[in-house]
Protein backbone atom coordinates (compact mmCIF):
# COMPACT_ATOMS: atom_id res chain seq x y z
CA MET A 1 9.51 -11.10 -9.19
CA ILE A 2 12.99 -12.00 -8.03
CA GLY A 3 14.97 -8.94 -7.02
CA ILE A 4 17.26 -7.52 -4.37
CA HIS A 5 14.18 -6.73 -2.23
CA ASP A 6 13.57 -10.48 -1.72
CA MET A 7 16.38 -10.82 0.81
CA GLY A 8 15.00 -13.56 3.07
CA GLY A 9 17.59 -16.27 3.61
CA MET A 10 20.37 -14.41 1.81
CA HIS A 11 23.84 -14.49 3.35
CA GLY A 12 26.36 -11.68 3.63
CA MET A 13 23.96 -8.90 4.66
CA GLY A 14 25.54 -8.42 8.07
CA VAL A 15 24.27 -8.89 11.60
CA VAL A 16 20.85 -7.55 12.57
CA ARG A 17 21.43 -5.17 15.47
CA PRO A 18 18.18 -4.13 17.19
CA GLU A 19 18.28 -0.54 18.42
CA LYS A 20 17.29 -0.09 22.06
CA ASP A 21 14.53 2.49 22.56
CA GLU A 22 14.45 3.09 18.82
CA PRO A 23 12.55 6.30 17.96
CA VAL A 24 9.70 6.32 15.48
CA PHE A 25 11.72 8.63 13.24
CA HIS A 26 15.47 9.07 13.42
CA GLU A 27 15.40 12.36 11.51
CA THR A 28 12.77 15.07 11.05
CA TRP A 29 12.71 14.53 7.29
CA GLU A 30 11.59 10.91 7.80
CA GLY A 31 8.43 12.09 9.51
CA ARG A 32 7.83 14.51 6.65
CA VAL A 33 8.16 11.72 4.09
CA TYR A 34 5.67 9.63 6.06
CA ALA A 35 3.23 12.56 6.16
CA MET A 36 3.68 13.23 2.44
CA THR A 37 2.97 9.58 1.68
CA ARG A 38 -0.28 9.68 3.63
CA ALA A 39 -1.23 13.02 2.05
CA ILE A 40 -0.86 11.94 -1.59
CA ALA A 41 -2.64 8.59 -1.16
CA PRO A 42 -6.15 10.15 -1.29
CA TRP A 43 -5.60 11.03 -4.94
CA ARG A 44 -6.33 7.29 -5.41
CA LYS A 45 -4.10 7.01 -8.45
CA TRP A 46 -2.44 3.85 -7.11
CA ASN A 47 -2.80 1.36 -4.27
CA ILE A 48 -0.58 -0.04 -1.51
CA ASP A 49 0.50 -3.02 -3.62
CA ALA A 50 1.47 -0.82 -6.57
CA GLY A 51 3.49 1.26 -4.11
CA ARG A 52 5.32 -1.80 -2.82
CA HIS A 53 6.05 -2.96 -6.33
CA THR A 54 7.48 0.45 -7.23
CA ILE A 55 10.04 0.04 -4.42
CA GLU A 56 10.86 -3.43 -5.74
CA LEU A 57 11.76 -1.83 -9.08
CA LEU A 58 14.48 0.37 -7.60
CA PRO A 59 17.92 -0.41 -9.07
CA PRO A 60 19.67 -2.96 -6.79
CA ALA A 61 22.53 -0.59 -5.90
CA ASP A 62 20.06 2.13 -4.89
CA TYR A 63 17.92 -0.32 -2.92
CA LEU A 64 20.92 -1.49 -0.88
CA ARG A 65 22.28 1.98 -0.10
CA MET A 66 18.96 3.69 0.66
CA SER A 67 17.45 3.89 4.12
CA TYR A 68 13.83 2.86 4.70
CA TYR A 69 12.33 6.32 4.19
CA GLU A 70 14.65 7.13 1.31
CA LYS A 71 12.98 4.22 -0.48
CA TRP A 72 9.59 5.68 0.40
CA LEU A 73 10.56 9.07 -1.01
CA ALA A 74 11.93 7.56 -4.24
CA ARG A 75 8.72 5.53 -4.58
CA ASP A 76 6.49 8.58 -4.02
CA ILE A 77 8.34 10.64 -6.62
CA GLU A 78 8.14 7.85 -9.19
CA LEU A 79 4.40 7.39 -8.66
CA LEU A 80 3.65 11.11 -8.73
CA VAL A 81 5.50 11.49 -12.04
CA LYS A 82 4.09 8.30 -13.54
CA HIS A 83 0.52 9.35 -12.80
CA GLN A 84 1.12 12.89 -14.07
CA LEU A 85 0.45 14.70 -10.82
CA VAL A 86 3.82 16.42 -11.18
CA THR A 87 6.66 16.48 -13.68
CA ARG A 88 10.24 15.40 -13.14
CA GLU A 89 11.35 18.98 -13.80
CA GLU A 90 9.00 20.30 -11.10
CA ILE A 91 10.42 17.80 -8.63
CA GLU A 92 13.97 18.88 -9.43
CA SER A 93 13.24 22.61 -9.32
CA GLY A 94 10.82 22.54 -6.39
CA LYS A 95 8.53 24.91 -8.30
CA ALA A 96 5.35 24.41 -10.29
CA ALA A 97 5.78 24.79 -14.03
CA ILE A 98 4.37 27.96 -15.54
CA GLY A 99 0.81 27.31 -16.71
CA SER A 100 0.50 23.98 -14.93
CA PRO A 101 -3.07 23.08 -13.96
CA LYS A 102 -4.18 23.75 -10.41
CA ALA A 103 -6.10 21.18 -8.40
CA THR A 104 -7.62 21.07 -4.95
CA PRO A 105 -5.93 18.38 -2.86
CA PRO A 106 -8.38 15.62 -1.90
CA LEU A 107 -7.09 15.70 1.69
CA SER A 108 -7.60 18.90 3.66
CA ALA A 109 -5.79 19.71 6.90
CA ALA A 110 -9.09 19.43 8.78
CA ALA A 111 -9.61 15.89 7.52
CA VAL A 112 -6.18 14.59 8.60
CA PRO A 113 -7.16 13.37 12.11
CA ALA A 114 -10.07 11.30 10.82
CA MET A 115 -8.00 9.91 7.95
CA SER A 116 -5.15 8.99 10.29
CA ALA A 117 -7.51 7.14 12.62
CA ASN A 118 -9.02 5.12 9.78
CA ARG A 119 -6.56 2.38 8.89
CA GLY A 120 -8.83 0.76 6.32
CA SER A 121 -9.08 -2.95 5.63
CA TYR A 122 -8.15 -5.23 2.77
CA MET A 123 -10.47 -7.96 4.02
CA ARG A 124 -13.38 -8.64 1.71
CA PRO A 125 -16.85 -10.20 2.15
CA ALA A 126 -16.96 -13.97 2.48
CA ALA A 127 -19.21 -14.48 -0.56
CA GLN A 128 -16.44 -16.34 -2.33
CA ALA A 129 -15.57 -19.97 -3.07
CA GLU A 130 -14.83 -22.17 -0.08
CA ALA A 131 -11.32 -22.23 1.28
CA ARG A 132 -9.15 -24.81 -0.47
CA PHE A 133 -7.22 -25.64 2.68
CA LYS A 134 -8.07 -26.29 6.32
CA VAL A 135 -6.20 -25.65 9.56
CA GLY A 136 -3.77 -28.49 10.22
CA GLU A 137 -3.49 -29.49 6.56
CA HIS A 138 -0.05 -30.01 5.04
CA VAL A 139 0.63 -27.83 1.99
CA ARG A 140 3.45 -26.86 -0.33
CA ALA A 141 4.29 -23.34 -1.48
CA ARG A 142 4.28 -23.32 -5.26
CA LYS A 143 7.50 -22.99 -7.22
CA MET A 144 6.81 -19.89 -9.23
CA ASN A 145 8.71 -16.94 -10.58
CA PRO A 146 6.20 -14.25 -11.57
CA ALA A 147 7.54 -11.30 -13.51
CA GLY A 148 5.46 -8.86 -11.44
CA HIS A 149 4.68 -8.30 -7.78
CA THR A 150 4.17 -11.19 -5.38
CA ARG A 151 4.13 -11.64 -1.62
CA LEU A 152 5.41 -15.21 -1.87
CA PRO A 153 9.06 -15.04 -0.73
CA ARG A 154 11.63 -16.88 -2.78
CA TYR A 155 13.01 -18.90 0.15
CA ALA A 156 9.61 -20.56 0.76
CA ARG A 157 8.89 -21.63 -2.82
CA GLY A 158 8.67 -25.40 -3.12
CA ARG A 159 8.79 -25.85 0.67
CA GLN A 160 6.22 -27.74 2.72
CA GLY A 161 4.34 -26.30 5.66
CA THR A 162 1.17 -26.61 7.71
CA ILE A 163 -1.89 -24.36 7.72
CA ALA A 164 -1.87 -22.74 11.16
CA ARG A 165 -4.72 -20.25 10.73
CA HIS A 166 -7.32 -19.10 8.22
CA HIS A 167 -7.47 -15.30 8.19
CA GLY A 168 -10.45 -14.87 5.85
CA ILE A 169 -10.64 -13.40 2.35
CA PHE A 170 -8.31 -10.57 1.36
CA VAL A 171 -7.30 -8.55 -1.70
CA PHE A 172 -4.80 -10.48 -3.82
CA PRO A 173 -1.66 -8.28 -4.03
CA ASP A 174 -0.27 -9.90 -7.18
CA SER A 175 -3.15 -8.61 -9.29
CA ASN A 176 -3.89 -5.45 -7.32
CA ALA A 177 -0.34 -4.14 -7.80
CA HIS A 178 -0.84 -4.11 -11.56
CA PHE A 179 -4.40 -2.68 -11.53
CA LEU A 180 -5.85 -6.02 -12.69
CA GLY A 181 -8.53 -6.01 -10.01
CA GLU A 182 -8.60 -7.06 -6.39
CA GLN A 183 -9.34 -10.74 -7.16
CA PRO A 184 -9.85 -11.57 -3.43
CA GLN A 185 -8.63 -14.94 -2.19
CA HIS A 186 -8.55 -16.89 1.06
CA LEU A 187 -5.50 -16.01 3.15
CA TYR A 188 -3.76 -18.39 5.54
CA SER A 189 -0.96 -18.34 8.08
CA VAL A 190 1.35 -21.20 7.12
CA ARG A 191 3.95 -22.63 9.50
CA PHE A 192 7.27 -23.74 8.04
CA THR A 193 9.90 -25.37 10.20
CA ALA A 194 13.29 -23.70 10.09
CA GLN A 195 14.86 -26.98 8.95
CA GLU A 196 12.41 -27.22 6.03
CA LEU A 197 13.47 -23.74 4.92
CA TRP A 198 17.18 -23.69 5.80
CA GLY A 199 18.24 -27.33 6.12
CA ASP A 200 19.36 -29.60 8.94
CA ALA A 201 21.75 -26.99 10.37
CA ALA A 202 18.77 -24.87 11.48
CA SER A 203 17.31 -25.24 14.96
CA PRO A 204 14.61 -27.95 15.15
CA ARG A 205 12.74 -25.73 17.62
CA ASP A 206 12.33 -22.76 15.27
CA SER A 207 9.52 -22.06 12.80
CA VAL A 208 8.52 -19.27 10.42
CA TYR A 209 4.90 -18.26 9.87
CA LEU A 210 4.04 -16.75 6.48
CA ASP A 211 0.75 -15.31 5.28
CA MET A 212 -0.12 -16.97 1.97
CA TRP A 213 -3.00 -16.65 -0.46
CA ASP A 214 -4.79 -19.63 -2.03
CA SER A 215 -2.95 -19.47 -5.34
CA TYR A 216 0.43 -19.59 -3.60
CA LEU A 217 -0.30 -23.06 -2.24
CA GLU A 218 -0.86 -26.58 -3.47
CA HIS A 219 -1.83 -29.83 -1.82
CA VAL A 220 0.95 -32.19 -0.77
């Protein structure tokens, strides 16, 4: 989908100012939001791609004003309510509704260290069709405007690049975000020159590498 989240190549967003010795969390509440996000994931009511898409659906004004972890918190609340693990009223009051069902959380405190150490993988077995593209092959990112989630950035659509690496077979986020199955596909690192993306004014020495699934690409 095209939305305010797809900001690559947009002008007027201000200068990027890296923060020296940036802390992991700037405020204590940010760490709490991170912990809450990890704690509710074991309910397995949604997946990482559905979570990303939920952030994409934030109203543009909210998306622009919110900090990184504010977006995470808004996403978590929306998913918890949508999947009926809590009501909007309970979120606002901070108290469980009278007579609400009780459930044992799937993640216990004792299990947190093991869960934190296990990062998981979205790579899938290679028993799939052969890769459509080979390293060194010239390709073009498809011009597409899906209504739902996609990891194909707007600024690369219709642009030509070169396959730099074949990563293997991974879950396809466009279908996974909408609970339409994992539909694994071959995933590649594709090199685009800065001039191909931004025009002749860009440095001829610069390139951008994007991870792209099979269905994002077409032969030149």
